[in-house]
C-alpha atoms as a PDB file:
ATOM      1  CA  MET A   1       0.000   0.000   0.000  1.00  0.00           C
ATOM      2  CA  PHE A   2       2.749   2.480   0.958  1.00  0.00           C
ATOM      3  CA  LYS A   3       6.474   2.722   1.457  1.00  0.00           C
ATOM      4  CA  HIS A   4       7.930   4.882   4.205  1.00  0.00           C
ATOM      5  CA  TYR A   5      11.262   6.705   3.934  1.00  0.00           C
ATOM      6  CA  LEU A   6      13.017   8.552   6.751  1.00  0.00           C
ATOM      7  CA  ILE A   7      15.455  11.001   5.155  1.00  0.00           C
ATOM      8  CA  THR A   8      18.540  12.742   6.559  1.00  0.00           C
ATOM      9  CA  ARG A   9      21.092  15.069   5.009  1.00  0.00           C
ATOM     10  CA  PHE A  10      24.431  14.766   6.749  1.00  0.00           C
ATOM     11  CA  ASN A  11      27.376  16.833   5.512  1.00  0.00           C
ATOM     12  CA  LEU A  12      26.171  18.147   2.159  1.00  0.00           C
ATOM     13  CA  LYS A  13      27.911  21.300   0.939  1.00  0.00           C
ATOM     14  CA  ASN A  14      25.569  24.281   0.981  1.00  0.00           C
ATOM     15  CA  LYS A  15      26.598  27.751  -0.183  1.00  0.00           C
ATOM     16  CA  ASN A  16      24.006  29.288   2.175  1.00  0.00           C
ATOM     17  CA  TRP A  17      25.220  27.426   5.273  1.00  0.00           C
ATOM     18  CA  GLU A  18      28.876  28.002   6.100  1.00  0.00           C
ATOM     19  CA  VAL A  19      29.211  28.665   9.853  1.00  0.00           C
ATOM     20  CA  THR A  20      27.772  27.508  13.182  1.00  0.00           C
ATOM     21  CA  LYS A  21      25.950  29.802  15.609  1.00  0.00           C
ATOM     22  CA  ASN A  22      29.406  30.433  17.177  1.00  0.00           C
ATOM     23  CA  ASN A  23      30.748  31.496  13.770  1.00  0.00           C
ATOM     24  CA  GLU A  24      32.827  28.333  13.401  1.00  0.00           C
ATOM     25  CA  THR A  25      33.442  26.946   9.923  1.00  0.00           C
ATOM     26  CA  LEU A  26      31.230  24.003   8.976  1.00  0.00           C
ATOM     27  CA  LEU A  27      32.192  20.719   7.291  1.00  0.00           C
ATOM     28  CA  THR A  28      35.776  20.717   8.571  1.00  0.00           C
ATOM     29  CA  ARG A  29      37.259  17.465   9.899  1.00  0.00           C
ATOM     30  CA  GLU A  30      36.675  18.741  13.431  1.00  0.00           C
ATOM     31  CA  TRP A  31      33.018  19.458  12.606  1.00  0.00           C
ATOM     32  CA  MET A  32      32.606  16.024  11.007  1.00  0.00           C
ATOM     33  CA  THR A  33      34.165  14.196  13.967  1.00  0.00           C
ATOM     34  CA  HIS A  34      31.865  16.029  16.346  1.00  0.00           C
ATOM     35  CA  ARG A  35      28.806  15.400  14.153  1.00  0.00           C
ATOM     36  CA  ILE A  36      29.484  11.669  13.784  1.00  0.00           C
ATOM     37  CA  GLY A  37      29.754  11.527  17.570  1.00  0.00           C
ATOM     38  CA  LEU A  38      26.324  13.115  17.946  1.00  0.00           C
ATOM     39  CA  PHE A  39      24.918  10.853  15.252  1.00  0.00           C
ATOM     40  CA  SER A  40      26.224   7.643  16.814  1.00  0.00           C
ATOM     41  CA  ASN A  41      25.200   8.620  20.355  1.00  0.00           C
ATOM     42  CA  PHE A  42      21.764  10.120  19.713  1.00  0.00           C
ATOM     43  CA  CYS A  43      20.245   9.864  16.250  1.00  0.00           C
ATOM     44  CA  LEU A  44      21.340   6.384  15.163  1.00  0.00           C
ATOM     45  CA  PRO A  45      20.318   4.469  18.314  1.00  0.00           C
ATOM     46  CA  SER A  46      16.928   6.198  18.397  1.00  0.00           C
ATOM     47  CA  VAL A  47      16.182   5.229  14.782  1.00  0.00           C
ATOM     48  CA  ALA A  48      17.636   1.730  15.178  1.00  0.00           C
ATOM     49  CA  SER A  49      15.313   1.144  18.166  1.00  0.00           C
ATOM     50  CA  GLN A  50      12.039   1.856  16.357  1.00  0.00           C
ATOM     51  CA  THR A  51       9.252  -0.534  17.310  1.00  0.00           C
ATOM     52  CA  ASN A  52       8.105  -0.514  13.668  1.00  0.00           C
ATOM     53  CA  THR A  53      10.894  -1.371  11.224  1.00  0.00           C
ATOM     54  CA  ASN A  54       8.754  -1.141   8.074  1.00  0.00           C
ATOM     55  CA  PHE A  55      10.686   1.833   6.686  1.00  0.00           C
ATOM     56  CA  GLN A  56      13.957   2.745   5.032  1.00  0.00           C
ATOM     57  CA  TRP A  57      16.358   5.373   6.306  1.00  0.00           C
ATOM     58  CA  LEU A  58      18.023   7.268   3.470  1.00  0.00           C
ATOM     59  CA  LEU A  59      21.189   9.128   4.546  1.00  0.00           C
ATOM     60  CA  PHE A  60      22.879  11.538   2.169  1.00  0.00           C
ATOM     61  CA  PHE A  61      26.574  12.340   2.479  1.00  0.00           C
ATOM     62  CA  ASP A  62      28.748  14.593   0.359  1.00  0.00           C
ATOM     63  CA  THR A  63      31.041  13.081  -2.278  1.00  0.00           C
ATOM     64  CA  SER A  64      33.885  15.047  -0.679  1.00  0.00           C
ATOM     65  CA  THR A  65      33.622  13.022   2.557  1.00  0.00           C
ATOM     66  CA  ASP A  66      37.074  11.798   3.600  1.00  0.00           C
ATOM     67  CA  SER A  67      37.636   8.057   3.197  1.00  0.00           C
ATOM     68  CA  ASP A  68      38.200   7.401   6.909  1.00  0.00           C
ATOM     69  CA  PHE A  69      34.860   9.021   7.724  1.00  0.00           C
ATOM     70  CA  LYS A  70      33.170   6.946   4.997  1.00  0.00           C
ATOM     71  CA  THR A  71      34.587   3.802   6.568  1.00  0.00           C
ATOM     72  CA  GLU A  72      33.421   4.837  10.034  1.00  0.00           C
ATOM     73  CA  LEU A  73      29.925   5.625   8.788  1.00  0.00           C
ATOM     74  CA  GLU A  74      29.585   2.390   6.839  1.00  0.00           C
ATOM     75  CA  ILE A  75      30.598   0.406   9.934  1.00  0.00           C
ATOM     76  CA  LEU A  76      27.939   2.220  11.959  1.00  0.00           C
ATOM     77  CA  LEU A  77      25.222   1.533   9.367  1.00  0.00           C
ATOM     78  CA  LYS A  78      26.198  -2.011   8.361  1.00  0.00           C
ATOM     79  CA  PRO A  79      24.068  -3.829  10.983  1.00  0.00           C
ATOM     80  CA  TYR A  80      20.897  -2.275   9.555  1.00  0.00           C
ATOM     81  CA  PRO A  81      20.038  -3.370   5.997  1.00  0.00           C
ATOM     82  CA  HIS A  82      17.117  -0.919   5.820  1.00  0.00           C
ATOM     83  CA  PHE A  83      19.501   2.021   6.347  1.00  0.00           C
ATOM     84  CA  LYS A  84      20.852   3.242   2.988  1.00  0.00           C
ATOM     85  CA  SER A  85      23.780   5.623   2.410  1.00  0.00           C
ATOM     86  CA  PHE A  86      24.209   7.839  -0.666  1.00  0.00           C
ATOM     87  CA  TYR A  87      27.149  10.046  -1.648  1.00  0.00           C
ATOM     88  CA  ILE A  88      26.096  13.037  -3.743  1.00  0.00           C
ATOM     89  CA  ASP A  89      27.463  16.392  -4.897  1.00  0.00           C
ATOM     90  CA  GLY A  90      26.118  18.846  -2.327  1.00  0.00           C
ATOM     91  CA  MET A  91      22.670  20.193  -1.510  1.00  0.00           C
ATOM     92  CA  GLU A  92      21.945  21.033  -5.133  1.00  0.00           C
ATOM     93  CA  ALA A  93      21.787  17.304  -5.902  1.00  0.00           C
ATOM     94  CA  PHE A  94      19.859  16.375  -2.739  1.00  0.00           C
ATOM     95  CA  HIS A  95      16.212  16.561  -3.768  1.00  0.00           C
ATOM     96  CA  ASN A  96      16.712  14.981  -7.179  1.00  0.00           C
ATOM     97  CA  SER A  97      18.694  12.148  -5.593  1.00  0.00           C
ATOM     98  CA  ILE A  98      15.859  11.474  -3.140  1.00  0.00           C
ATOM     99  CA  LYS A  99      13.271  11.407  -5.922  1.00  0.00           C
ATOM    100  CA  ASN A 100      15.403   9.237  -8.202  1.00  0.00           C
ATOM    101  CA  TYR A 101      15.823   6.544  -5.547  1.00  0.00           C
ATOM    102  CA  ILE A 102      12.213   6.611  -4.353  1.00  0.00           C
ATOM    103  CA  THR A 103      10.859   6.493  -7.908  1.00  0.00           C
ATOM    104  CA  LYS A 104      12.764   3.271  -8.584  1.00  0.00           C
ATOM    105  CA  ASP A 105      12.215   1.706  -5.177  1.00  0.00           C
ATOM    106  CA  SER A 106       8.496   2.416  -4.765  1.00  0.00           C
ATOM    107  CA  ASN A 107       7.113   1.550  -8.203  1.00  0.00           C
ATOM    108  CA  ASP A 108       4.979  -1.212  -6.661  1.00  0.00           C
ATOM    109  CA  SER A 109       3.412   1.084  -4.043  1.00  0.00           C
ATOM    110  CA  SER A 110       0.403   3.357  -4.496  1.00  0.00           C
ATOM    111  CA  TYR A 111       1.509   5.781  -1.776  1.00  0.00           C
ATOM    112  CA  ILE A 112       4.694   6.948  -0.119  1.00  0.00           C
ATOM    113  CA  ILE A 113       5.413   8.504   3.249  1.00  0.00           C
ATOM    114  CA  THR A 114       8.534  10.613   3.686  1.00  0.00           C
ATOM    115  CA  SER A 115       9.773  11.878   7.053  1.00  0.00           C
ATOM    116  CA  ARG A 116      12.777  13.965   7.973  1.00  0.00           C
ATOM    117  CA  ILE A 117      15.216  13.954  10.870  1.00  0.00           C
ATOM    118  CA  ASP A 118      18.416  15.921  11.411  1.00  0.00           C
ATOM    119  CA  ASN A 119      21.525  13.854  12.087  1.00  0.00           C
ATOM    120  CA  ASP A 120      21.982  15.189  15.632  1.00  0.00           C
ATOM    121  CA  ASP A 121      18.428  14.699  16.935  1.00  0.00           C
ATOM    122  CA  CYS A 122      16.352  11.830  18.373  1.00  0.00           C
ATOM    123  CA  ILE A 123      12.944  10.316  17.781  1.00  0.00           C
ATOM    124  CA  HIS A 124      10.669   8.395  20.148  1.00  0.00           C
ATOM    125  CA  LYS A 125      10.791   4.622  19.653  1.00  0.00           C
ATOM    126  CA  ASP A 126       7.159   4.762  18.428  1.00  0.00           C
ATOM    127  CA  TYR A 127       7.711   7.667  16.014  1.00  0.00           C
ATOM    128  CA  ILE A 128       7.590   5.610  12.800  1.00  0.00           C
ATOM    129  CA  ASN A 129       4.590   3.622  14.005  1.00  0.00           C
ATOM    130  CA  THR A 130       2.707   6.774  15.004  1.00  0.00           C
ATOM    131  CA  ILE A 131       3.327   8.452  11.658  1.00  0.00           C
ATOM    132  CA  GLN A 132       2.146   5.365   9.779  1.00  0.00           C
ATOM    133  CA  SER A 133      -0.995   5.233  11.925  1.00  0.00           C
ATOM    134  CA  GLN A 134      -2.011   8.544  10.295  1.00  0.00           C
ATOM    135  CA  PHE A 135      -2.134   6.916   6.845  1.00  0.00           C
ATOM    136  CA  LYS A 136      -5.623   6.934   5.328  1.00  0.00           C
ATOM    137  CA  SER A 137      -4.751   6.859   1.613  1.00  0.00           C
ATOM    138  CA  GLN A 138      -4.454  10.653   1.509  1.00  0.00           C
ATOM    139  CA  ASP A 139      -3.339  12.092  -1.826  1.00  0.00           C
ATOM    140  CA  PHE A 140      -1.278  14.765  -0.050  1.00  0.00           C
ATOM    141  CA  MET A 141      -1.107  15.338   3.708  1.00  0.00           C
ATOM    142  CA  ALA A 142       1.638  16.788   5.902  1.00  0.00           C
ATOM    143  CA  ILE A 143       1.912  15.436   9.450  1.00  0.00           C
ATOM    144  CA  ASP A 144       3.200  17.952  11.976  1.00  0.00           C
ATOM    145  CA  VAL A 145       4.240  16.513  15.361  1.00  0.00           C
ATOM    146  CA  LEU A 146       3.950  19.502  17.669  1.00  0.00           C
ATOM    147  CA  LYS A 147       5.379  18.177  20.921  1.00  0.00           C
ATOM    148  CA  GLY A 148       8.806  16.950  21.897  1.00  0.00           C
ATOM    149  CA  TYR A 149      11.687  17.655  24.224  1.00  0.00           C
ATOM    150  CA  SER A 150      14.812  19.789  24.179  1.00  0.00           C
ATOM    151  CA  LEU A 151      18.006  18.296  25.607  1.00  0.00           C
ATOM    152  CA  GLN A 152      21.037  20.540  26.022  1.00  0.00           C
ATOM    153  CA  ILE A 153      24.227  18.508  26.314  1.00  0.00           C
ATOM    154  CA  SER A 154      26.826  21.279  26.610  1.00  0.00           C
ATOM    155  CA  PRO A 155      28.096  23.272  28.380  1.00  0.00           C
ATOM    156  CA  ASP A 156      25.525  22.085  30.964  1.00  0.00           C
ATOM    157  CA  ILE A 157      22.987  19.267  30.659  1.00  0.00           C
ATOM    158  CA  MET A 158      19.362  20.385  30.875  1.00  0.00           C
ATOM    159  CA  LEU A 159      16.163  18.688  29.720  1.00  0.00           C
ATOM    160  CA  GLY A 160      12.756  20.262  29.162  1.00  0.00           C
ATOM    161  CA  LYS A 161       9.527  20.078  27.215  1.00  0.00           C
ATOM    162  CA  LYS A 162       9.223  21.818  23.875  1.00  0.00           C
ATOM    163  CA  GLU A 163       6.452  22.675  21.417  1.00  0.00           C
ATOM    164  CA  HIS A 164       7.336  23.565  17.854  1.00  0.00           C
ATOM    165  CA  ILE A 165       4.918  23.946  14.968  1.00  0.00           C
ATOM    166  CA  PHE A 166       6.212  23.454  11.390  1.00  0.00           C
ATOM    167  CA  ASN A 167       9.248  21.707  12.870  1.00  0.00           C
ATOM    168  CA  PRO A 168      12.143  19.647  11.396  1.00  0.00           C
ATOM    169  CA  PHE A 169      10.416  16.318  12.237  1.00  0.00           C
ATOM    170  CA  ILE A 170       7.560  16.769   9.764  1.00  0.00           C
ATOM    171  CA  SER A 171       6.290  13.956   7.509  1.00  0.00           C
ATOM    172  CA  LEU A 172       4.368  13.842   4.242  1.00  0.00           C
ATOM    173  CA  ILE A 173       1.906  11.278   2.898  1.00  0.00           C
ATOM    174  CA  GLU A 174       1.510  11.378  -0.890  1.00  0.00           C
ATOM    175  CA  LYS A 175      -0.020   9.465  -3.729  1.00  0.00           C
ATOM    176  CA  ASN A 176       2.861   7.920  -5.634  1.00  0.00           C
ATOM    177  CA  GLU A 177       2.453   9.989  -8.779  1.00  0.00           C
ATOM    178  CA  ALA A 178       5.538  12.190  -9.253  1.00  0.00           C
ATOM    179  CA  PRO A 179       5.750  12.690  -5.473  1.00  0.00           C
ATOM    180  CA  LYS A 180       7.381  15.836  -4.128  1.00  0.00           C
ATOM    181  CA  THR A 181       8.686  14.266  -0.853  1.00  0.00           C
ATOM    182  CA  VAL A 182       8.900  16.092   2.458  1.00  0.00           C
ATOM    183  CA  TRP A 183      12.222  17.680   1.467  1.00  0.00           C
ATOM    184  CA  PHE A 184      10.865  19.638  -1.501  1.00  0.00           C
ATOM    185  CA  SER A 185      10.581  22.619   0.849  1.00  0.00           C
ATOM    186  CA  ASP A 186      12.255  23.750   4.047  1.00  0.00           C
ATOM    187  CA  HIS A 187      10.352  22.662   7.160  1.00  0.00           C
ATOM    188  CA  ASN A 188       9.195  26.166   8.162  1.00  0.00           C
ATOM    189  CA  MET A 189       7.542  26.624   4.763  1.00  0.00           C
ATOM    190  CA  TRP A 190       4.872  24.079   5.719  1.00  0.00           C
ATOM    191  CA  LYS A 191       3.084  26.943   7.433  1.00  0.00           C
ATOM    192  CA  LYS A 192       1.812  27.799   3.945  1.00  0.00           C
ATOM    193  CA  GLU A 193       0.264  24.376   3.423  1.00  0.00           C
ATOM    194  CA  SER A 194      -3.455  23.851   4.061  1.00  0.00           C
ATOM    195  CA  ARG A 195      -3.303  20.047   3.753  1.00  0.00           C
ATOM    196  CA  ARG A 196      -1.804  19.379   7.149  1.00  0.00           C
ATOM    197  CA  VAL A 197      -2.696  17.524  10.340  1.00  0.00           C
ATOM    198  CA  GLU A 198      -1.210  17.888  13.804  1.00  0.00           C
ATOM    199  CA  ILE A 199      -0.214  15.220  16.315  1.00  0.00           C
ATOM    200  CA  ALA A 200      -0.365  16.829  19.739  1.00  0.00           C
ATOM    201  CA  ASN A 201      -1.125  13.958  22.135  1.00  0.00           C
ATOM    202  CA  LYS A 202       2.390  12.549  22.420  1.00  0.00           C
ATOM    203  CA  ARG A 203       5.949  13.886  22.585  1.00  0.00           C
ATOM    204  CA  LEU A 204       7.716  12.139  19.719  1.00  0.00           C
ATOM    205  CA  TRP A 205      11.006  13.994  19.161  1.00  0.00           C
ATOM    206  CA  MET A 206      13.970  15.301  21.121  1.00  0.00           C
ATOM    207  CA  SER A 207      16.049  18.148  19.784  1.00  0.00           C
ATOM    208  CA  ILE A 208      19.688  17.971  20.888  1.00  0.00           C
ATOM    209  CA  ILE A 209      21.238  21.361  21.669  1.00  0.00           C
ATOM    210  CA  HIS A 210      25.017  21.667  21.494  1.00  0.00           C
ATOM    211  CA  GLU A 211      27.676  24.289  20.812  1.00  0.00           C
ATOM    212  CA  LYS A 212      27.839  23.595  17.079  1.00  0.00           C
ATOM    213  CA  ASN A 213      24.148  24.034  16.263  1.00  0.00           C
ATOM    214  CA  LYS A 214      23.550  26.320  13.304  1.00  0.00           C
ATOM    215  CA  VAL A 215      20.581  28.096  14.913  1.00  0.00           C
ATOM    216  CA  ASN A 216      18.941  26.238  17.805  1.00  0.00           C
ATOM    217  CA  GLU A 217      19.321  27.252  21.421  1.00  0.00           C
ATOM    218  CA  PHE A 218      17.945  25.577  24.537  1.00  0.00           C
ATOM    219  CA  ASP A 219      14.373  26.667  25.239  1.00  0.00           C
ATOM    220  CA  GLY A 220      13.063  23.670  27.149  1.00  0.00           C
ATOM    221  CA  TYR A 221      10.857  24.115  30.180  1.00  0.00           C
ATOM    222  CA  ASP A 222       9.296  22.278  33.159  1.00  0.00           C
ATOM    223  CA  ASN A 223      10.655  19.453  35.267  1.00  0.00           C
ATOM    224  CA  VAL A 224      11.159  16.360  33.083  1.00  0.00           C
ATOM    225  CA  ASP A 225      12.378  13.065  34.564  1.00  0.00           C
ATOM    226  CA  TRP A 226      15.260  11.663  32.499  1.00  0.00           C
ATOM    227  CA  ASP A 227      14.585   8.189  33.909  1.00  0.00           C
ATOM    228  CA  ASP A 228      11.228   8.253  32.109  1.00  0.00           C
ATOM    229  CA  ILE A 229      12.584   9.753  28.878  1.00  0.00           C
ATOM    230  CA  LYS A 230      15.482   7.328  28.444  1.00  0.00           C
ATOM    231  CA  THR A 231      13.101   4.383  28.060  1.00  0.00           C
ATOM    232  CA  GLN A 232      11.301   6.109  25.190  1.00  0.00           C
ATOM    233  CA  PHE A 233      14.205   7.855  23.427  1.00  0.00           C
ATOM    234  CA  ILE A 234      17.011   5.365  23.033  1.00  0.00           C
ATOM    235  CA  VAL A 235      20.514   6.831  23.124  1.00  0.00           C
ATOM    236  CA  SER A 236      23.919   5.219  23.574  1.00  0.00           C
ATOM    237  CA  LYS A 237      24.702   3.693  26.965  1.00  0.00           C
ATOM    238  CA  SER A 238      27.485   6.207  27.561  1.00  0.00           C
ATOM    239  CA  ILE A 239      25.167   9.156  26.937  1.00  0.00           C
ATOM    240  CA  GLU A 240      22.396   7.624  29.029  1.00  0.00           C
ATOM    241  CA  LYS A 241      24.824   7.345  31.946  1.00  0.00           C
ATOM    242  CA  LYS A 242      26.332  10.797  31.412  1.00  0.00           C
ATOM    243  CA  VAL A 243      22.923  12.513  31.414  1.00  0.00           C
ATOM    244  CA  SER A 244      21.818  10.536  34.472  1.00  0.00           C
ATOM    245  CA  ASN A 245      24.922  11.619  36.380  1.00  0.00           C
ATOM    246  CA  GLU A 246      25.280  15.222  35.224  1.00  0.00           C
ATOM    247  CA  ILE A 247      21.813  16.605  34.476  1.00  0.00           C
ATOM    248  CA  ILE A 248      21.128  19.868  36.318  1.00  0.00           C
ATOM    249  CA  PRO A 249      18.087  19.645  38.635  1.00  0.00           C
ATOM    250  CA  HIS A 250      15.152  21.714  37.436  1.00  0.00           C
ATOM    251  CA  LYS A 251      15.135  23.758  40.652  1.00  0.00           C
ATOM    252  CA  LYS A 252      18.518  25.251  39.650  1.00  0.00           C
ATOM    253  CA  TRP A 253      17.183  26.660  36.362  1.00  0.00           C
ATOM    254  CA  ARG A 254      13.585  27.339  37.391  1.00  0.00           C
ATOM    255  CA  THR A 255      13.718  30.992  36.295  1.00  0.00           C
ATOM    256  CA  LEU A 256      15.015  30.065  32.843  1.00  0.00           C
ATOM    257  CA  SER A 257      12.359  27.350  32.658  1.00  0.00           C
ATOM    258  CA  LEU A 258       9.592  29.870  33.277  1.00  0.00           C
ATOM    259  CA  LYS A 259      10.995  32.285  30.691  1.00  0.00           C
ATOM    260  CA  ASN A 260      11.283  29.471  28.155  1.00  0.00           C
ATOM    261  CA  LYS A 261       7.745  28.260  28.852  1.00  0.00           C
ATOM    262  CA  LEU A 262       6.313  31.728  28.251  1.00  0.00           C
ATOM    263  CA  TYR A 263       8.387  32.159  25.087  1.00  0.00           C
ATOM    264  CA  VAL A 264       7.641  28.734  23.572  1.00  0.00           C
ATOM    265  CA  ASN A 265       3.912  28.987  24.208  1.00  0.00           C
ATOM    266  CA  TYR A 266       3.779  32.563  22.916  1.00  0.00           C
ATOM    267  CA  VAL A 267       5.490  31.560  19.655  1.00  0.00           C
ATOM    268  CA  LEU A 268       3.216  28.532  19.274  1.00  0.00           C
ATOM    269  CA  ALA A 269       0.046  30.538  19.926  1.00  0.00           C
ATOM    270  CA  SER A 270       1.192  33.317  17.587  1.00  0.00           C
ATOM    271  CA  LYS A 271       1.867  30.923  14.709  1.00  0.00           C
ATOM    272  CA  LYS A 272      -1.407  29.067  15.261  1.00  0.00           C
ATOM    273  CA  LEU A 273      -3.312  32.358  15.231  1.00  0.00           C
ATOM    274  CA  LYS A 274      -1.619  33.521  12.040  1.00  0.00           C
ATOM    275  CA  LYS A 275      -2.429  30.175  10.448  1.00  0.00           C
ATOM    276  CA  ALA A 276      -6.078  30.356  11.565  1.00  0.00           C
ATOM    277  CA  LEU A 277      -6.404  33.906  10.245  1.00  0.00           C
ATOM    278  CA  GLY A 278      -4.940  32.952   6.884  1.00  0.00           C
ATOM    279  CA  LEU A 279      -1.947  35.250   7.252  1.00  0.00           C
ATOM    280  CA  TYR A 280       0.318  32.625   5.748  1.00  0.00           C
ATOM    281  CA  LYS A 281      -0.046  32.235   2.011  1.00  0.00           C
ATOM    282  CA  ILE A 282      -1.886  29.005   1.235  1.00  0.00           C
ATOM    283  CA  LYS A 283      -0.580  26.819  -1.571  1.00  0.00           C
END
């Protein structure tokens, strides 16, 4: 009936994305070492632990990737035959490469589902299953998962709730007739789309905040128990232990938590109101 593809860009060259939020150069060997560390500790174990394995994970790397990094990545992915790696020439080749593979792979399916995840973030172990539960043979329907968590891992470890509409964990159900895929537009452009449903009854993603983020900063709020989260968002054993031992108690950042809660809910309410009033251009 459908095929489901989770899609990640990794180190693709992009002329519009050259530095981190700390003005550090991207795609250096130092950046790549750090990013593979995040990937292997957070993103990979969370995807590998999905309760529903009826999907493929398509990971796109740049052709300029150094050979030792290629070897390291292939070793990480080898245990999972439904995880596929592609080496392409930068972001300009990204969308066409996605469509070329899916067109060939899904010719026996009437529908496709495409989902996106950044290589330094996590998904709930039921994420894939929950997205697929939304399938009702829709010709075109975006699935926006509003609720998740924010985990800062440096310089201090803090964990909080987070709401984010039109976020980087969005999915798209399509009829398999020249499908666009979820990556045909940047995630924040889905605010312009009228064919969209929200999942707001479960927290299904965890955004990892670190010093080399391009944009994101920690804006989590409320007191969240890591012992509960770690059974739902599977990370490496070393990270699980490190967070357990070093997480800052909520009472020590209560003021920041309150500020973040007011900010996150204001932004969410503002965007929902603009959407309801038709202030975003509808496609």
